C-alpha atoms as a PDB file:
ATOM      1  CA  MET A   1      21.616  -8.301  31.888  1.00  0.00           C
ATOM      2  CA  ILE A   2      22.284  -7.813  28.217  1.00  0.00           C
ATOM      3  CA  GLY A   3      22.026 -11.242  26.567  1.00  0.00           C
ATOM      4  CA  TYR A   4      21.876 -10.528  22.811  1.00  0.00           C
ATOM      5  CA  LEU A   5      22.769  -7.769  20.601  1.00  0.00           C
ATOM      6  CA  LYS A   6      21.852  -7.106  16.769  1.00  0.00           C
ATOM      7  CA  GLY A   7      22.873  -4.053  14.676  1.00  0.00           C
ATOM      8  CA  THR A   8      25.376  -2.908  12.258  1.00  0.00           C
ATOM      9  CA  VAL A   9      29.343  -3.037  12.941  1.00  0.00           C
ATOM     10  CA  LEU A  10      30.783   0.190  13.479  1.00  0.00           C
ATOM     11  CA  SER A  11      34.481  -0.967  13.803  1.00  0.00           C
ATOM     12  CA  VAL A  12      36.367  -4.170  14.546  1.00  0.00           C
ATOM     13  CA  SER A  13      39.697  -4.434  16.341  1.00  0.00           C
ATOM     14  CA  ASP A  14      42.012  -7.231  17.334  1.00  0.00           C
ATOM     15  CA  LYS A  15      40.029  -7.356  20.695  1.00  0.00           C
ATOM     16  CA  GLY A  16      36.633  -6.657  20.026  1.00  0.00           C
ATOM     17  CA  LEU A  17      34.009  -4.877  17.874  1.00  0.00           C
ATOM     18  CA  VAL A  18      31.511  -1.822  18.310  1.00  0.00           C
ATOM     19  CA  LEU A  19      28.003  -2.803  17.358  1.00  0.00           C
ATOM     20  CA  LEU A  20      25.245  -0.006  16.838  1.00  0.00           C
ATOM     21  CA  THR A  21      21.997  -1.279  17.797  1.00  0.00           C
ATOM     22  CA  PRO A  22      18.834  -0.054  15.785  1.00  0.00           C
ATOM     23  CA  GLY A  23      18.160   2.147  19.138  1.00  0.00           C
ATOM     24  CA  GLY A  24      21.008   4.386  18.268  1.00  0.00           C
ATOM     25  CA  VAL A  25      23.394   3.019  21.124  1.00  0.00           C
ATOM     26  CA  GLY A  26      26.762   1.570  20.068  1.00  0.00           C
ATOM     27  CA  TYR A  27      28.051  -1.118  22.332  1.00  0.00           C
ATOM     28  CA  GLU A  28      31.946  -1.893  22.646  1.00  0.00           C
ATOM     29  CA  VAL A  29      32.049  -5.638  22.914  1.00  0.00           C
ATOM     30  CA  ALA A  30      34.939  -8.091  23.388  1.00  0.00           C
ATOM     31  CA  ALA A  31      34.970 -11.119  21.270  1.00  0.00           C
ATOM     32  CA  PRO A  32      37.625 -13.917  20.763  1.00  0.00           C
ATOM     33  CA  THR A  33      39.717 -13.656  17.034  1.00  0.00           C
ATOM     34  CA  SER A  34      37.714 -16.664  16.019  1.00  0.00           C
ATOM     35  CA  VAL A  35      34.755 -14.460  16.164  1.00  0.00           C
ATOM     36  CA  LEU A  36      36.027 -11.495  14.942  1.00  0.00           C
ATOM     37  CA  ALA A  37      37.243 -12.920  11.887  1.00  0.00           C
ATOM     38  CA  ARG A  38      33.882 -13.999  10.776  1.00  0.00           C
ATOM     39  CA  LEU A  39      32.054 -10.677  11.303  1.00  0.00           C
ATOM     40  CA  PRO A  40      31.269  -8.634   8.104  1.00  0.00           C
ATOM     41  CA  GLY A  41      33.083  -5.388   7.746  1.00  0.00           C
ATOM     42  CA  ARG A  42      32.336  -1.784   8.779  1.00  0.00           C
ATOM     43  CA  GLY A  43      28.561  -1.136   8.121  1.00  0.00           C
ATOM     44  CA  GLY A  44      27.546  -5.282   8.030  1.00  0.00           C
ATOM     45  CA  GLU A  45      24.946  -6.666  10.092  1.00  0.00           C
ATOM     46  CA  ALA A  46      25.691  -8.890  12.990  1.00  0.00           C
ATOM     47  CA  ALA A  47      23.809 -10.544  15.833  1.00  0.00           C
ATOM     48  CA  LEU A  48      25.949 -11.298  18.993  1.00  0.00           C
ATOM     49  CA  PHE A  49      24.980 -13.926  21.843  1.00  0.00           C
ATOM     50  CA  VAL A  50      26.285 -11.821  24.876  1.00  0.00           C
ATOM     51  CA  HIS A  51      27.895 -12.062  28.463  1.00  0.00           C
ATOM     52  CA  THR A  52      27.773  -9.506  30.606  1.00  0.00           C
ATOM     53  CA  GLN A  53      30.484  -9.212  33.423  1.00  0.00           C
ATOM     54  CA  VAL A  54      29.625  -6.547  36.183  1.00  0.00           C
ATOM     55  CA  GLY A  55      32.840  -5.087  37.972  1.00  0.00           C
ATOM     56  CA  GLU A  56      33.317  -2.514  40.326  1.00  0.00           C
ATOM     57  CA  LYS A  57      34.727  -0.295  37.320  1.00  0.00           C
ATOM     58  CA  ALA A  58      32.831  -1.203  34.249  1.00  0.00           C
ATOM     59  CA  ILE A  59      30.238  -3.368  32.621  1.00  0.00           C
ATOM     60  CA  ASP A  60      32.067  -5.710  30.255  1.00  0.00           C
ATOM     61  CA  LEU A  61      30.414  -7.444  27.228  1.00  0.00           C
ATOM     62  CA  PHE A  62      31.368 -10.472  25.192  1.00  0.00           C
ATOM     63  CA  GLY A  63      30.043 -11.538  21.954  1.00  0.00           C
ATOM     64  CA  PHE A  64      29.737 -14.563  20.492  1.00  0.00           C
ATOM     65  CA  LEU A  65      28.216 -15.576  17.225  1.00  0.00           C
ATOM     66  CA  GLU A  66      26.566 -19.070  18.695  1.00  0.00           C
ATOM     67  CA  ASN A  67      24.934 -19.515  22.128  1.00  0.00           C
ATOM     68  CA  ASP A  68      26.895 -22.683  22.448  1.00  0.00           C
ATOM     69  CA  ASP A  69      30.251 -20.745  22.407  1.00  0.00           C
ATOM     70  CA  LEU A  70      28.613 -18.141  25.243  1.00  0.00           C
ATOM     71  CA  ASP A  71      28.044 -21.213  27.282  1.00  0.00           C
ATOM     72  CA  LEU A  72      31.724 -22.699  26.586  1.00  0.00           C
ATOM     73  CA  PHE A  73      32.801 -19.245  27.694  1.00  0.00           C
ATOM     74  CA  ARG A  74      30.809 -19.286  30.703  1.00  0.00           C
ATOM     75  CA  THR A  75      32.377 -23.128  31.678  1.00  0.00           C
ATOM     76  CA  LEU A  76      35.646 -21.568  31.453  1.00  0.00           C
ATOM     77  CA  ILE A  77      35.119 -18.421  33.354  1.00  0.00           C
ATOM     78  CA  SER A  78      33.487 -20.725  36.226  1.00  0.00           C
ATOM     79  CA  ILE A  79      36.902 -22.124  36.821  1.00  0.00           C
ATOM     80  CA  ASP A  80      38.759 -20.427  39.632  1.00  0.00           C
ATOM     81  CA  LYS A  81      41.069 -17.903  38.502  1.00  0.00           C
ATOM     82  CA  LEU A  82      40.563 -17.925  34.664  1.00  0.00           C
ATOM     83  CA  GLY A  83      38.843 -14.732  34.325  1.00  0.00           C
ATOM     84  CA  PRO A  84      37.149 -13.552  30.954  1.00  0.00           C
ATOM     85  CA  LYS A  85      40.354 -12.197  29.142  1.00  0.00           C
ATOM     86  CA  LYS A  86      42.186 -15.684  29.364  1.00  0.00           C
ATOM     87  CA  ALA A  87      38.931 -17.742  28.604  1.00  0.00           C
ATOM     88  CA  LEU A  88      39.390 -15.570  25.228  1.00  0.00           C
ATOM     89  CA  ALA A  89      42.668 -16.127  24.392  1.00  0.00           C
ATOM     90  CA  ILE A  90      41.841 -19.585  25.029  1.00  0.00           C
ATOM     91  CA  LEU A  91      38.708 -19.804  22.537  1.00  0.00           C
ATOM     92  CA  SER A  92      40.726 -17.650  20.225  1.00  0.00           C
ATOM     93  CA  MET A  93      43.008 -20.553  19.513  1.00  0.00           C
ATOM     94  CA  PHE A  94      40.961 -23.767  20.319  1.00  0.00           C
ATOM     95  CA  ASP A  95      37.463 -24.608  19.381  1.00  0.00           C
ATOM     96  CA  ALA A  96      35.087 -26.503  21.425  1.00  0.00           C
ATOM     97  CA  GLY A  97      35.771 -29.955  19.921  1.00  0.00           C
ATOM     98  CA  HIS A  98      39.618 -29.283  20.375  1.00  0.00           C
ATOM     99  CA  LEU A  99      39.345 -28.039  23.808  1.00  0.00           C
ATOM    100  CA  ARG A 100      37.703 -30.982  24.850  1.00  0.00           C
ATOM    101  CA  GLU A 101      40.323 -33.071  23.219  1.00  0.00           C
ATOM    102  CA  ILE A 102      42.940 -31.285  25.329  1.00  0.00           C
ATOM    103  CA  ALA A 103      41.093 -32.017  28.838  1.00  0.00           C
ATOM    104  CA  TRP A 104      40.620 -35.508  27.655  1.00  0.00           C
ATOM    105  CA  ARG A 105      44.447 -36.185  27.493  1.00  0.00           C
ATOM    106  CA  GLU A 106      45.506 -33.599  29.867  1.00  0.00           C
ATOM    107  CA  ASP A 107      47.492 -31.866  27.270  1.00  0.00           C
ATOM    108  CA  ALA A 108      49.069 -29.018  29.461  1.00  0.00           C
ATOM    109  CA  ASP A 109      51.655 -28.312  26.884  1.00  0.00           C
ATOM    110  CA  THR A 110      49.160 -27.482  24.232  1.00  0.00           C
ATOM    111  CA  LEU A 111      46.740 -25.592  26.442  1.00  0.00           C
ATOM    112  CA  ALA A 112      50.077 -23.640  27.707  1.00  0.00           C
ATOM    113  CA  THR A 113      50.826 -22.472  24.048  1.00  0.00           C
ATOM    114  CA  VAL A 114      48.018 -20.109  24.575  1.00  0.00           C
ATOM    115  CA  PRO A 115      49.177 -16.346  25.465  1.00  0.00           C
ATOM    116  CA  GLY A 116      49.162 -15.571  29.213  1.00  0.00           C
ATOM    117  CA  ILE A 117      48.799 -19.129  29.904  1.00  0.00           C
ATOM    118  CA  GLY A 118      52.008 -20.912  31.571  1.00  0.00           C
ATOM    119  CA  PRO A 119      52.596 -24.810  32.061  1.00  0.00           C
ATOM    120  CA  LYS A 120      51.641 -24.344  35.897  1.00  0.00           C
ATOM    121  CA  SER A 121      48.464 -22.549  35.128  1.00  0.00           C
ATOM    122  CA  ALA A 122      47.598 -24.835  32.283  1.00  0.00           C
ATOM    123  CA  LYS A 123      47.710 -27.843  34.747  1.00  0.00           C
ATOM    124  CA  GLN A 124      45.574 -26.317  37.353  1.00  0.00           C
ATOM    125  CA  ILE A 125      42.971 -25.438  34.633  1.00  0.00           C
ATOM    126  CA  LEU A 126      42.716 -28.557  32.993  1.00  0.00           C
ATOM    127  CA  TRP A 127      42.709 -30.193  36.759  1.00  0.00           C
ATOM    128  CA  HIS A 128      39.327 -28.198  36.781  1.00  0.00           C
ATOM    129  CA  LEU A 129      38.290 -28.651  33.272  1.00  0.00           C
ATOM    130  CA  LYS A 130      38.210 -32.401  33.498  1.00  0.00           C
ATOM    131  CA  ASP A 131      34.921 -32.247  35.746  1.00  0.00           C
ATOM    132  CA  LYS A 132      33.309 -29.648  33.345  1.00  0.00           C
ATOM    133  CA  VAL A 133      34.329 -31.587  29.926  1.00  0.00           C
ATOM    134  CA  ASP A 134      30.948 -32.811  29.112  1.00  0.00           C
ATOM    135  CA  LYS A 135      29.834 -29.347  29.137  1.00  0.00           C
ATOM    136  CA  LEU A 136      32.028 -28.772  25.941  1.00  0.00           C
ATOM    137  CA  ALA A 137      30.560 -30.748  23.560  1.00  0.00           C
ATOM    138  CA  PRO A 138      28.738 -28.594  21.138  1.00  0.00           C
ATOM    139  CA  ALA A 139      25.071 -28.894  20.513  1.00  0.00           C
ATOM    140  CA  HIS A 140      24.906 -28.077  17.067  1.00  0.00           C
ATOM    141  CA  ALA A 141      25.924 -30.818  14.891  1.00  0.00           C
ATOM    142  CA  PRO A 142      30.044 -30.490  14.480  1.00  0.00           C
ATOM    143  CA  ALA A 143      31.041 -28.932  10.954  1.00  0.00           C
ATOM    144  CA  LYS A 144      33.692 -31.137   9.125  1.00  0.00           C
ATOM    145  CA  GLY A 145      37.154 -31.011  11.016  1.00  0.00           C
ATOM    146  CA  GLU A 146      35.545 -29.129  14.176  1.00  0.00           C
ATOM    147  CA  GLY A 147      36.200 -32.022  16.469  1.00  0.00           C
ATOM    148  CA  PRO A 148      35.246 -35.472  17.613  1.00  0.00           C
ATOM    149  CA  ARG A 149      32.656 -37.386  16.217  1.00  0.00           C
ATOM    150  CA  VAL A 150      34.332 -40.499  17.484  1.00  0.00           C
ATOM    151  CA  GLU A 151      32.930 -40.600  21.312  1.00  0.00           C
ATOM    152  CA  GLY A 152      32.859 -44.484  21.508  1.00  0.00           C
ATOM    153  CA  GLY A 153      36.366 -45.049  19.951  1.00  0.00           C
ATOM    154  CA  ARG A 154      37.674 -41.803  22.179  1.00  0.00           C
ATOM    155  CA  GLY A 155      40.895 -43.771  23.394  1.00  0.00           C
ATOM    156  CA  GLU A 156      41.456 -45.413  19.917  1.00  0.00           C
ATOM    157  CA  TYR A 157      41.385 -42.013  18.580  1.00  0.00           C
ATOM    158  CA  LEU A 158      43.473 -40.218  21.421  1.00  0.00           C
ATOM    159  CA  ASP A 159      46.331 -43.231  20.873  1.00  0.00           C
ATOM    160  CA  ALA A 160      46.416 -42.938  17.415  1.00  0.00           C
ATOM    161  CA  LEU A 161      46.964 -38.563  17.774  1.00  0.00           C
ATOM    162  CA  ALA A 162      49.482 -39.448  20.396  1.00  0.00           C
ATOM    163  CA  GLY A 163      51.276 -42.199  18.210  1.00  0.00           C
ATOM    164  CA  LEU A 164      51.689 -39.734  15.163  1.00  0.00           C
ATOM    165  CA  LYS A 165      52.781 -36.909  17.156  1.00  0.00           C
ATOM    166  CA  GLY A 166      55.414 -39.363  18.422  1.00  0.00           C
ATOM    167  CA  LEU A 167      56.360 -39.417  14.719  1.00  0.00           C
ATOM    168  CA  GLY A 168      57.068 -36.199  14.569  1.00  0.00           C
ATOM    169  CA  TYR A 169      54.018 -34.983  12.998  1.00  0.00           C
ATOM    170  CA  GLN A 170      52.177 -31.883  13.903  1.00  0.00           C
ATOM    171  CA  GLU A 171      48.976 -31.887  15.732  1.00  0.00           C
ATOM    172  CA  ASP A 172      47.527 -29.402  13.159  1.00  0.00           C
ATOM    173  CA  GLU A 173      48.239 -31.528  10.318  1.00  0.00           C
ATOM    174  CA  VAL A 174      47.154 -34.822  11.557  1.00  0.00           C
ATOM    175  CA  ARG A 175      44.098 -34.385  13.653  1.00  0.00           C
ATOM    176  CA  PRO A 176      41.541 -33.187  10.921  1.00  0.00           C
ATOM    177  CA  MET A 177      42.746 -36.017   9.188  1.00  0.00           C
ATOM    178  CA  LEU A 178      42.282 -38.440  11.802  1.00  0.00           C
ATOM    179  CA  LEU A 179      39.005 -37.297  12.551  1.00  0.00           C
ATOM    180  CA  GLU A 180      37.797 -37.930   8.942  1.00  0.00           C
ATOM    181  CA  ILE A 181      39.381 -41.366   9.354  1.00  0.00           C
ATOM    182  CA  PHE A 182      37.516 -42.414  12.501  1.00  0.00           C
ATOM    183  CA  ASP A 183      34.301 -40.563  11.111  1.00  0.00           C
ATOM    184  CA  ALA A 184      34.305 -42.988   8.107  1.00  0.00           C
ATOM    185  CA  GLU A 185      35.359 -45.927  10.251  1.00  0.00           C
ATOM    186  CA  PRO A 186      34.286 -45.542  14.156  1.00  0.00           C
ATOM    187  CA  ASP A 187      35.665 -49.183  14.851  1.00  0.00           C
ATOM    188  CA  LEU A 188      39.017 -48.564  13.843  1.00  0.00           C
ATOM    189  CA  ASP A 189      42.069 -49.279  16.230  1.00  0.00           C
ATOM    190  CA  ALA A 190      44.521 -47.052  16.875  1.00  0.00           C
ATOM    191  CA  ALA A 191      47.080 -48.795  15.058  1.00  0.00           C
ATOM    192  CA  SER A 192      45.188 -49.326  11.864  1.00  0.00           C
ATOM    193  CA  ALA A 193      44.332 -45.270  12.373  1.00  0.00           C
ATOM    194  CA  ILE A 194      47.929 -44.458  12.183  1.00  0.00           C
ATOM    195  CA  ARG A 195      48.570 -46.779   9.076  1.00  0.00           C
ATOM    196  CA  THR A 196      46.122 -45.465   7.398  1.00  0.00           C
ATOM    197  CA  ALA A 197      46.954 -41.370   7.998  1.00  0.00           C
ATOM    198  CA  LEU A 198      50.570 -42.516   7.177  1.00  0.00           C
ATOM    199  CA  ARG A 199      49.159 -43.780   3.709  1.00  0.00           C
ATOM    200  CA  ARG A 200      47.467 -40.506   3.278  1.00  0.00           C
ATOM    201  CA  ILE A 201      50.500 -38.379   3.868  1.00  0.00           C
ATOM    202  CA  ALA A 202      52.815 -40.061   1.522  1.00  0.00           C
ATOM    203  CA  ALA A 203      50.269 -39.674  -0.943  1.00  0.00           C
ATOM    204  CA  ALA A 204      49.564 -36.494  -0.384  1.00  0.00           C
ATOM    205  CA  ARG A 205      53.603 -35.878  -0.758  1.00  0.00           C
ATOM    206  CA  SER A 206      54.264 -38.153  -3.679  1.00  0.00           C
END
């Protein structure tokens, strides 16, 4: 099985890339848009951790820049009726931290925003994902805003996020802000975090 590829990028599409290895073989590799956006242009060098899917009619390759992302992909496709295409669609929209939060709060509505996943499928996926959620934490230190560094205050963080969404704020707007707030003050309660976030929002808009 192919587990790792390194070579020259020959082409990139909205679904994947063709990678030319030093041996002269060009491999067609599917990848989430979050990976494709970080690849160099044609002629650049790239290295990918690869999952090989052997089917009756074809051998498909799925590439990721980090081994942790490959592990996450494999976690997703281990869920019944969640194939590689839907897993790629999920990873194109959510990083590991965000997906873990969605599973924590059983947020089927957010997961259902992924193309090809309806409300019923989202609920089924989350039902299975809850048992696997601990595998969704990235092994590397998360980058700023990657999600969540609030293990001890998980409930307060999620309550604060739900509270701000209830006030009409978009998750994409307040989620990174809350992560920063709880990162700076891990023992903060939800109400205090909401007040702090509202002050920041008001200051940014003034």
